Amino acid sequence: MIGKHVWSLTPAKIILGGFLLIILAGALLLSLPVSSKSGTATPFLDALFTSTSATCVTGLIVHDTFTWWSGFGQAVILILIQIGGMGVVTLAVVITILSGRKIGLKQRYVMQESISAPQVGGIVRMTRFIVIGTILFEAAGAVIMAFQFLPQMGVGKGVWFSVFHSVSAFCNAGFDLMGEVSGPCSSVTSYTGNALINVPLMFLIVVGGIGFFVWDDIKAHRLHVRHYHLQSKIVLCTSLILILLPALFLYVFEFSRDCWSGLSAGERILASLFQAISPRTAGFNSVDLNMLSESSQLMTILLMIVGGSPGSTAGGIKTTTLALALLCVRSVFQNQETIQCFNRRIPYDILRNAIAILAMYLGLMFSASFLIVWLEHATLMEAAFEAASAVATVGLTLGITGDLTAASRIILILLMYFGRVGGLTMLYALTNRKKLPVLLPQERINVG
């Protein structure tokens, strides 16, 4: 009866409630003494922050993952990352399939909303595809990184490090265990020029961030790009531009500075690509972010806000939202009545949603930045970086997370939750029904 009652809720409420329950369950487990290496109970707010960050695949931490949490605690975090990356609804549908029960129309509709699929048909097949693809990609990443970690750490720890970082990268979480290697909260800075770590991490981040629907398109049509859906074309083009242009900027204007003279040309190329890819929205960093110039830090904030693509493991406003905003600008400059891309016309309601999402994320980021500056002894850049990282579920930080007061941590928890479930999902969950349209008199206003 409980299961039937849950599925009778709206898709938005199911998604919101599912994530909330997983976060609370994770927080309770992480607050237990067995979860910490010291054997003492972790303060509930710290456990809640960590659970939210893991479930919302963010990566912001108040305690170093390796030095603070025990093997049990690290396993809980990894499970939360996997659930958060694949989606609570996906997990529920998988459990239903494995139990042999029939997937009803309501479950299919909720799954469609969860993964941003274009239609209800084929949802069960898509779910199987997501699960199998996730396992294969994460396994491949773990195998490659094992060539580095096994000789360095031995079999047991090497396998655990390989699996943990592969899952964290694919799910765009950004959690790491590098406190063992180079000290607490160091991310992968000790592997700046190591291709065995950098390349699989970048590959997993990109694959996890382009979205399950795009995977399916690529699987169905291979290299015949003209047969792809419009969403896949926009996602792939926008993602490629958002990788190449920031990487070029970082290589030419950032890593050519004297403070990076210790990096070889190859290390600079890897670092440039890594710091262009990771902000959308993985949260790993292969260089010290505090050493970046303010222009590079600002660019990182912009990349974090954009994030990944719809139906992916990544957060942010999504590549499609950015593309629609730019296409709208282009249509104004060209005096076009409609927004067009790849010989297709984009409906007005899609543009309306994109503008609403952009406004909500920017509004939350700026509001949280002002509050954190007011509450903490932080610069505006530090506060904006932290707020953008939380609402876009990235996990990058300039190092202030662990020193924040309880009020600021609660702000970040709310931002991470909002960023993972999505702004429109939150609004749809709070709105019971659509209002009947009323056709009012029309009047023009000047906007420029």
Protein backbone atom coordinates (compact mmCIF):
# COMPACT_ATOMS: atom_id res chain seq x y z
CA MET A 1 0.00 0.00 0.00
CA ILE A 2 2.84 2.39 0.78
CA GLY A 3 4.40 1.74 -2.61
CA LYS A 4 1.12 2.43 -4.40
CA HIS A 5 0.64 5.62 -2.39
CA VAL A 6 4.14 6.83 -3.31
CA TRP A 7 3.65 6.23 -7.04
CA SER A 8 0.35 8.13 -6.87
CA LEU A 9 2.26 11.35 -6.13
CA THR A 10 3.36 13.71 -8.87
CA PRO A 11 6.76 12.92 -10.48
CA ALA A 12 8.25 16.09 -8.99
CA LYS A 13 7.19 15.15 -5.45
CA ILE A 14 8.52 11.62 -5.86
CA ILE A 15 11.91 12.92 -6.99
CA LEU A 16 12.11 15.51 -4.19
CA GLY A 17 10.96 13.07 -1.51
CA GLY A 18 13.23 10.29 -2.74
CA PHE A 19 16.36 12.42 -2.58
CA LEU A 20 15.37 13.80 0.83
CA LEU A 21 14.90 10.32 2.32
CA ILE A 22 18.24 9.08 0.93
CA ILE A 23 20.01 12.17 2.32
CA LEU A 24 18.52 11.70 5.80
CA ALA A 25 19.30 7.97 5.84
CA GLY A 26 22.88 8.70 4.77
CA ALA A 27 23.23 11.38 7.43
CA LEU A 28 22.09 8.99 10.16
CA LEU A 29 24.59 6.33 9.03
CA LEU A 30 27.46 8.82 8.77
CA SER A 31 26.76 10.19 12.24
CA LEU A 32 27.34 6.75 13.79
CA PRO A 33 30.69 6.15 15.57
CA VAL A 34 31.48 3.26 13.18
CA SER A 35 31.59 5.73 10.27
CA SER A 36 34.51 7.76 11.60
CA LYS A 37 38.12 6.64 11.93
CA SER A 38 38.28 8.00 15.48
CA GLY A 39 35.35 5.80 16.51
CA THR A 40 33.40 8.79 17.82
CA ALA A 41 30.06 10.08 16.60
CA THR A 42 30.22 12.77 13.93
CA PRO A 43 28.13 15.92 14.61
CA PHE A 44 24.82 15.50 12.79
CA LEU A 45 25.17 18.75 10.82
CA ASP A 46 28.55 17.57 9.49
CA ALA A 47 27.06 14.18 8.60
CA LEU A 48 24.07 15.87 6.96
CA PHE A 49 26.36 18.14 4.94
CA THR A 50 28.44 15.18 3.76
CA SER A 51 25.37 13.06 2.96
CA THR A 52 23.78 15.90 0.99
CA SER A 53 27.01 16.53 -0.88
CA ALA A 54 27.36 12.83 -1.78
CA THR A 55 23.71 12.23 -2.71
CA CYS A 56 23.59 15.45 -4.71
CA VAL A 57 26.93 14.43 -6.31
CA THR A 58 28.54 17.72 -5.32
CA GLY A 59 31.85 17.03 -3.57
CA LEU A 60 31.99 19.87 -1.05
CA ILE A 61 33.30 18.50 2.25
CA VAL A 62 33.75 19.68 5.81
CA HIS A 63 36.03 16.73 6.65
CA ASP A 64 38.58 15.04 4.41
CA THR A 65 37.02 11.86 3.06
CA PHE A 66 40.04 9.61 3.71
CA THR A 67 41.38 10.94 6.99
CA TRP A 68 38.03 11.45 8.76
CA TRP A 69 35.78 8.63 7.56
CA SER A 70 36.38 4.93 8.22
CA GLY A 71 36.09 2.24 5.55
CA PHE A 72 32.41 1.90 6.46
CA GLY A 73 31.88 5.65 6.20
CA GLN A 74 33.66 5.79 2.83
CA ALA A 75 31.47 2.92 1.59
CA VAL A 76 28.32 4.79 2.68
CA ILE A 77 29.54 7.87 0.82
CA LEU A 78 30.25 5.82 -2.31
CA ILE A 79 26.77 4.24 -2.24
CA LEU A 80 25.19 7.68 -1.82
CA ILE A 81 27.21 8.95 -4.79
CA GLN A 82 26.07 6.02 -6.96
CA ILE A 83 22.42 6.49 -6.00
CA GLY A 84 22.62 10.23 -6.51
CA GLY A 85 24.36 9.89 -9.85
CA MET A 86 21.98 7.35 -11.35
CA GLY A 87 18.95 8.94 -9.71
CA VAL A 88 16.63 7.76 -6.96
CA VAL A 89 13.84 7.00 -9.44
CA THR A 90 16.18 4.93 -11.63
CA LEU A 91 17.15 2.87 -8.58
CA ALA A 92 13.49 2.36 -7.66
CA VAL A 93 12.63 1.20 -11.20
CA VAL A 94 15.64 -1.16 -11.24
CA ILE A 95 14.52 -2.72 -7.94
CA THR A 96 11.00 -3.13 -9.35
CA ILE A 97 12.36 -4.83 -12.48
CA LEU A 98 14.61 -7.18 -10.46
CA SER A 99 11.69 -8.12 -8.21
CA GLY A 100 9.75 -9.26 -11.26
CA ARG A 101 6.92 -6.77 -10.84
CA LYS A 102 5.35 -4.98 -13.77
CA ILE A 103 6.34 -1.38 -14.48
CA GLY A 104 3.12 0.63 -14.66
CA LEU A 105 2.41 3.70 -16.74
CA LYS A 106 2.85 6.01 -13.75
CA GLN A 107 6.30 4.59 -12.98
CA ARG A 108 7.27 5.02 -16.63
CA TYR A 109 6.11 8.63 -16.58
CA VAL A 110 8.10 9.38 -13.40
CA MET A 111 11.17 7.74 -14.94
CA GLN A 112 10.73 9.87 -18.05
CA GLU A 113 10.74 13.01 -15.93
CA SER A 114 13.75 11.80 -13.94
CA ILE A 115 16.06 11.18 -16.91
CA SER A 116 14.60 13.88 -19.21
CA ALA A 117 13.57 11.30 -21.81
CA PRO A 118 11.52 12.65 -24.77
CA GLN A 119 8.78 10.02 -24.46
CA VAL A 120 7.38 7.33 -22.17
CA GLY A 121 7.88 4.54 -24.70
CA GLY A 122 11.09 2.54 -24.25
CA ILE A 123 11.68 3.67 -20.66
CA VAL A 124 12.31 0.14 -19.37
CA ARG A 125 14.82 -0.48 -22.16
CA MET A 126 16.42 2.89 -21.39
CA THR A 127 16.69 1.98 -17.70
CA ARG A 128 18.52 -1.25 -18.52
CA PHE A 129 20.77 0.70 -20.88
CA ILE A 130 21.60 3.24 -18.14
CA VAL A 131 22.47 0.57 -15.58
CA ILE A 132 24.59 -1.54 -17.96
CA GLY A 133 26.33 1.53 -19.40
CA THR A 134 27.09 2.87 -15.92
CA ILE A 135 28.63 -0.42 -14.80
CA LEU A 136 30.73 -0.76 -17.97
CA PHE A 137 32.09 2.80 -17.93
CA GLU A 138 32.86 2.76 -14.21
CA ALA A 139 34.55 -0.63 -14.51
CA ALA A 140 36.67 0.56 -17.45
CA GLY A 141 37.76 3.67 -15.55
CA ALA A 142 38.64 1.61 -12.48
CA VAL A 143 40.73 -0.83 -14.53
CA ILE A 144 42.77 1.98 -16.12
CA MET A 145 43.42 3.77 -12.82
CA ALA A 146 44.34 0.46 -11.21
CA PHE A 147 47.57 0.52 -13.24
CA GLN A 148 48.57 3.53 -11.13
CA PHE A 149 47.03 2.70 -7.76
CA LEU A 150 47.86 -1.03 -7.47
CA PRO A 151 51.66 -0.67 -7.79
CA GLN A 152 51.54 2.41 -5.56
CA MET A 153 49.27 1.11 -2.76
CA GLY A 154 48.98 -2.65 -3.05
CA VAL A 155 46.05 -4.76 -4.19
CA GLY A 156 43.40 -4.07 -1.54
CA LYS A 157 43.78 -0.33 -1.22
CA GLY A 158 44.60 0.06 -4.92
CA VAL A 159 41.34 -1.62 -6.00
CA TRP A 160 39.33 0.49 -3.52
CA PHE A 161 40.94 3.73 -4.72
CA SER A 162 40.35 2.77 -8.37
CA VAL A 163 36.67 1.93 -7.85
CA PHE A 164 35.98 4.90 -5.57
CA HIS A 165 37.45 7.50 -7.94
CA SER A 166 35.91 5.90 -11.03
CA VAL A 167 32.40 6.02 -9.53
CA SER A 168 32.99 9.52 -8.18
CA ALA A 169 34.15 10.77 -11.59
CA PHE A 170 31.40 9.13 -13.63
CA CYS A 171 28.75 10.45 -11.24
CA ASN A 172 30.40 13.89 -11.38
CA ALA A 173 30.73 13.85 -7.59
CA GLY A 174 34.31 14.99 -6.99
CA PHE A 175 34.85 13.06 -3.75
CA ASP A 176 38.37 11.70 -3.44
CA LEU A 177 40.58 9.70 -1.09
CA MET A 178 43.77 11.62 -1.83
CA GLY A 179 44.21 12.59 1.81
CA GLU A 180 46.23 9.37 1.95
CA VAL A 181 48.56 10.54 -0.84
CA SER A 182 49.09 14.30 -0.52
CA GLY A 183 47.27 15.49 2.58
CA PRO A 184 43.66 16.45 3.42
CA CYS A 185 41.49 18.21 0.82
CA SER A 186 44.19 18.02 -1.86
CA SER A 187 42.06 16.39 -4.58
CA VAL A 188 44.27 15.05 -7.43
CA THR A 189 46.90 17.80 -7.29
CA SER A 190 49.65 15.21 -6.78
CA TYR A 191 48.79 13.68 -10.18
CA THR A 192 48.86 16.86 -12.29
CA GLY A 193 50.89 15.32 -15.11
CA ASN A 194 49.79 11.70 -14.66
CA ALA A 195 47.84 10.50 -17.73
CA LEU A 196 46.75 7.26 -16.01
CA ILE A 197 44.71 9.35 -13.56
CA ASN A 198 43.86 12.51 -15.54
CA VAL A 199 42.67 10.90 -18.79
CA PRO A 200 40.21 8.34 -17.31
CA LEU A 201 38.87 10.94 -14.87
CA MET A 202 38.25 13.43 -17.70
CA PHE A 203 36.67 10.74 -19.90
CA LEU A 204 34.33 9.57 -17.13
CA ILE A 205 33.34 13.14 -16.26
CA VAL A 206 32.45 13.93 -19.88
CA VAL A 207 30.59 10.66 -20.48
CA GLY A 208 28.64 10.98 -17.24
CA GLY A 209 27.85 14.63 -17.96
CA ILE A 210 26.47 14.44 -21.50
CA GLY A 211 23.30 12.63 -20.45
CA PHE A 212 21.76 9.19 -20.82
CA PHE A 213 19.57 10.25 -23.75
CA VAL A 214 22.64 11.35 -25.74
CA TRP A 215 24.30 7.99 -25.04
CA ASP A 216 21.26 6.25 -26.50
CA ASP A 217 21.38 8.45 -29.59
CA ILE A 218 25.06 7.70 -30.13
CA LYS A 219 24.45 3.97 -29.64
CA ALA A 220 21.57 3.96 -32.12
CA HIS A 221 23.11 6.10 -34.88
CA ARG A 222 26.87 5.69 -34.29
CA LEU A 223 28.73 8.43 -36.22
CA HIS A 224 25.73 9.43 -38.39
CA VAL A 225 25.31 12.74 -36.60
CA ARG A 226 22.62 13.98 -38.99
CA HIS A 227 20.27 11.32 -37.57
CA TYR A 228 20.74 12.50 -33.97
CA HIS A 229 17.93 14.25 -32.13
CA LEU A 230 18.22 18.02 -31.85
CA GLN A 231 18.96 17.78 -28.12
CA SER A 232 21.93 15.47 -28.75
CA LYS A 233 23.35 17.77 -31.41
CA ILE A 234 23.06 20.81 -29.15
CA VAL A 235 24.55 18.95 -26.16
CA LEU A 236 27.55 17.62 -28.10
CA CYS A 237 28.33 20.91 -29.87
CA THR A 238 27.97 23.02 -26.73
CA SER A 239 29.99 20.55 -24.62
CA LEU A 240 32.82 20.50 -27.16
CA ILE A 241 32.97 24.31 -27.25
CA LEU A 242 32.89 24.52 -23.44
CA ILE A 243 35.86 22.15 -23.26
CA LEU A 244 38.09 23.53 -26.02
CA LEU A 245 37.71 27.30 -25.51
CA PRO A 246 38.31 27.33 -21.71
CA ALA A 247 41.19 24.87 -22.11
CA LEU A 248 42.78 27.12 -24.73
CA PHE A 249 42.28 30.16 -22.48
CA LEU A 250 43.85 28.39 -19.50
CA TYR A 251 46.82 27.14 -21.51
CA VAL A 252 47.58 30.50 -23.14
CA PHE A 253 46.72 32.99 -20.38
CA GLU A 254 46.86 31.02 -17.11
CA PHE A 255 49.48 28.29 -17.22
CA SER A 256 51.95 30.50 -19.09
CA ARG A 257 52.36 32.65 -15.95
CA ASP A 258 55.62 32.44 -13.98
CA CYS A 259 53.98 30.78 -10.98
CA TRP A 260 53.32 27.68 -13.14
CA SER A 261 56.87 27.49 -14.54
CA GLY A 262 57.37 24.15 -12.79
CA LEU A 263 54.87 22.46 -15.12
CA SER A 264 56.11 20.97 -18.39
CA ALA A 265 54.26 21.58 -21.67
CA GLY A 266 52.53 18.20 -21.39
CA GLU A 267 51.48 18.88 -17.81
CA ARG A 268 50.09 22.27 -18.83
CA ILE A 269 48.00 20.67 -21.57
CA LEU A 270 46.62 18.08 -19.14
CA ALA A 271 45.99 20.71 -16.47
CA SER A 272 44.23 23.01 -18.97
CA LEU A 273 41.94 20.25 -20.21
CA PHE A 274 41.28 18.98 -16.69
CA GLN A 275 40.38 22.40 -15.28
CA ALA A 276 38.12 23.06 -18.29
CA ILE A 277 36.26 19.76 -17.89
CA SER A 278 36.06 19.31 -14.12
CA PRO A 279 34.03 22.46 -13.28
CA ARG A 280 31.12 20.95 -15.31
CA THR A 281 30.45 19.50 -12.72
CA ALA A 282 32.88 16.99 -11.27
CA GLY A 283 34.70 18.90 -8.54
CA PHE A 284 38.17 17.40 -8.90
CA ASN A 285 41.10 19.77 -9.29
CA SER A 286 44.60 18.87 -10.49
CA VAL A 287 46.11 22.25 -9.51
CA ASP A 288 45.74 24.53 -6.50
CA LEU A 289 42.71 26.70 -7.31
CA ASN A 290 43.94 29.48 -5.04
CA MET A 291 46.92 29.91 -7.36
CA LEU A 292 44.66 30.64 -10.35
CA SER A 293 44.28 34.27 -11.41
CA GLU A 294 40.96 35.94 -10.63
CA SER A 295 40.00 35.85 -14.32
CA SER A 296 40.48 32.05 -14.34
CA GLN A 297 38.53 31.72 -11.10
CA LEU A 298 35.71 33.78 -12.60
CA MET A 299 35.71 31.60 -15.71
CA THR A 300 35.54 28.55 -13.44
CA ILE A 301 32.45 29.99 -11.74
CA LEU A 302 30.78 30.47 -15.14
CA LEU A 303 31.63 26.88 -16.15
CA MET A 304 30.24 25.60 -12.85
CA ILE A 305 26.95 27.42 -13.36
CA VAL A 306 26.56 25.92 -16.85
CA GLY A 307 27.24 22.39 -15.66
CA GLY A 308 26.43 19.27 -17.66
CA SER A 309 23.48 18.20 -19.79
CA PRO A 310 19.85 17.17 -19.14
CA GLY A 311 19.31 13.64 -17.84
CA SER A 312 22.96 13.28 -16.80
CA THR A 313 24.82 12.84 -13.53
CA ALA A 314 25.84 16.52 -13.64
CA GLY A 315 24.17 19.64 -12.28
CA GLY A 316 24.09 23.30 -13.31
CA ILE A 317 21.69 25.12 -15.60
CA LYS A 318 22.67 22.57 -18.30
CA THR A 319 24.32 23.03 -21.70
CA THR A 320 20.95 23.17 -23.46
CA THR A 321 19.85 26.15 -21.35
CA LEU A 322 23.01 28.06 -22.24
CA ALA A 323 22.59 27.15 -25.91
CA LEU A 324 18.97 28.32 -25.93
CA ALA A 325 19.92 31.63 -24.31
CA LEU A 326 22.60 32.23 -26.97
CA LEU A 327 20.25 31.15 -29.77
CA CYS A 328 17.68 33.62 -28.45
CA VAL A 329 20.27 36.40 -28.60
CA ARG A 330 21.17 35.37 -32.14
CA SER A 331 17.53 35.44 -33.22
CA VAL A 332 17.21 39.00 -31.88
CA PHE A 333 20.35 40.14 -33.72
CA GLN A 334 19.10 38.53 -36.94
CA ASN A 335 15.56 39.87 -36.42
CA GLN A 336 14.04 36.38 -36.56
CA GLU A 337 10.56 35.64 -35.25
CA THR A 338 11.51 32.14 -34.07
CA ILE A 339 14.52 30.42 -32.50
CA GLN A 340 16.10 27.98 -34.93
CA CYS A 341 18.94 25.48 -34.72
CA PHE A 342 20.07 22.69 -37.07
CA ASN A 343 17.09 23.38 -39.36
CA ARG A 344 14.63 22.94 -36.52
CA ARG A 345 12.35 25.46 -34.79
CA ILE A 346 12.39 25.43 -30.99
CA PRO A 347 9.03 25.90 -29.21
CA TYR A 348 8.51 29.03 -27.14
CA ASP A 349 7.67 27.09 -23.93
CA ILE A 350 11.15 25.50 -23.99
CA LEU A 351 12.74 28.95 -24.12
CA ARG A 352 10.52 30.10 -21.26
CA ASN A 353 11.70 27.20 -19.10
CA ALA A 354 15.34 27.93 -19.98
CA ILE A 355 15.02 31.58 -18.95
CA ALA A 356 13.33 30.57 -15.69
CA ILE A 357 16.10 28.06 -14.88
CA LEU A 358 18.83 30.59 -15.67
CA ALA A 359 17.17 33.25 -13.51
CA MET A 360 16.66 30.86 -10.58
CA TYR A 361 20.23 29.58 -10.52
CA LEU A 362 21.78 33.03 -10.86
CA GLY A 363 19.41 34.45 -8.26
CA LEU A 364 20.25 31.70 -5.77
CA MET A 365 23.97 31.99 -6.39
CA PHE A 366 24.07 35.76 -5.89
CA SER A 367 21.75 35.66 -2.85
CA ALA A 368 23.82 32.93 -1.19
CA SER A 369 27.05 34.77 -2.01
CA PHE A 370 25.84 37.92 -0.29
CA LEU A 371 24.70 35.94 2.77
CA ILE A 372 28.00 34.07 3.08
CA VAL A 373 29.99 37.31 2.78
CA TRP A 374 27.79 38.80 5.50
CA LEU A 375 28.06 35.76 7.79
CA GLU A 376 31.71 34.88 7.25
CA HIS A 377 35.09 36.56 6.94
CA ALA A 378 35.19 35.64 3.24
CA THR A 379 35.88 37.64 0.10
CA LEU A 380 33.17 38.00 -2.52
CA MET A 381 35.15 35.73 -4.88
CA GLU A 382 35.40 32.99 -2.22
CA ALA A 383 31.69 33.26 -1.39
CA ALA A 384 30.59 33.30 -5.05
CA PHE A 385 32.86 30.35 -5.82
CA GLU A 386 31.39 28.37 -2.92
CA ALA A 387 27.78 29.26 -3.76
CA ALA A 388 28.18 28.47 -7.47
CA SER A 389 29.88 25.19 -6.60
CA ALA A 390 27.00 24.18 -4.31
CA VAL A 391 24.02 25.18 -6.47
CA ALA A 392 25.61 23.66 -9.57
CA THR A 393 26.59 20.51 -7.57
CA VAL A 394 30.27 20.82 -8.52
CA GLY A 395 32.35 20.58 -5.35
CA LEU A 396 35.25 22.88 -6.20
CA THR A 397 36.25 25.28 -3.44
CA LEU A 398 38.85 27.90 -2.62
CA GLY A 399 39.28 26.25 0.77
CA ILE A 400 36.69 27.90 3.00
CA THR A 401 34.12 25.07 3.33
CA GLY A 402 35.52 23.52 6.50
CA ASP A 403 35.70 26.89 8.29
CA LEU A 404 32.12 27.98 7.59
CA THR A 405 29.65 28.51 10.43
CA ALA A 406 26.53 26.37 10.84
CA ALA A 407 24.34 28.98 9.13
CA SER A 408 26.49 29.04 6.00
CA ARG A 409 26.64 25.24 5.90
CA ILE A 410 22.85 25.07 6.02
CA ILE A 411 22.73 27.54 3.11
CA LEU A 412 25.07 25.28 1.11
CA ILE A 413 23.01 22.19 2.00
CA LEU A 414 19.88 23.85 0.63
CA LEU A 415 21.74 24.96 -2.50
CA MET A 416 23.07 21.45 -3.16
CA TYR A 417 19.61 19.91 -2.72
CA PHE A 418 18.02 22.49 -5.00
CA GLY A 419 20.76 22.05 -7.57
CA ARG A 420 20.40 18.26 -7.73
CA VAL A 421 16.62 17.98 -7.92
CA GLY A 422 16.39 20.95 -10.27
CA GLY A 423 14.61 24.27 -10.06
CA LEU A 424 11.62 23.36 -12.20
CA THR A 425 11.16 20.07 -10.33
CA MET A 426 11.07 22.01 -7.07
CA LEU A 427 8.48 24.46 -8.44
CA TYR A 428 6.32 21.70 -9.93
CA ALA A 429 6.35 19.85 -6.61
CA LEU A 430 5.13 22.94 -4.76
CA THR A 431 2.45 23.71 -7.35
CA ASN A 432 -0.60 21.48 -7.22
CA ARG A 433 -2.12 22.35 -10.56
CA LYS A 434 -1.82 24.74 -13.46
CA LYS A 435 -3.86 27.90 -13.41
CA LEU A 436 -6.32 28.32 -16.24
CA PRO A 437 -4.96 30.84 -18.75
CA VAL A 438 -6.67 34.22 -18.92
CA LEU A 439 -6.20 36.16 -22.14
CA LEU A 440 -5.47 39.71 -21.03
CA PRO A 441 -5.16 42.83 -23.19
CA GLN A 442 -1.77 43.11 -24.88
CA GLU A 443 0.51 46.13 -24.60
CA ARG A 444 4.09 46.62 -25.73
CA ILE A 445 6.94 47.98 -23.56
CA ASN A 446 10.47 49.11 -24.42
CA VAL A 447 13.38 46.90 -23.31
CA GLY A 448 16.32 48.74 -24.82
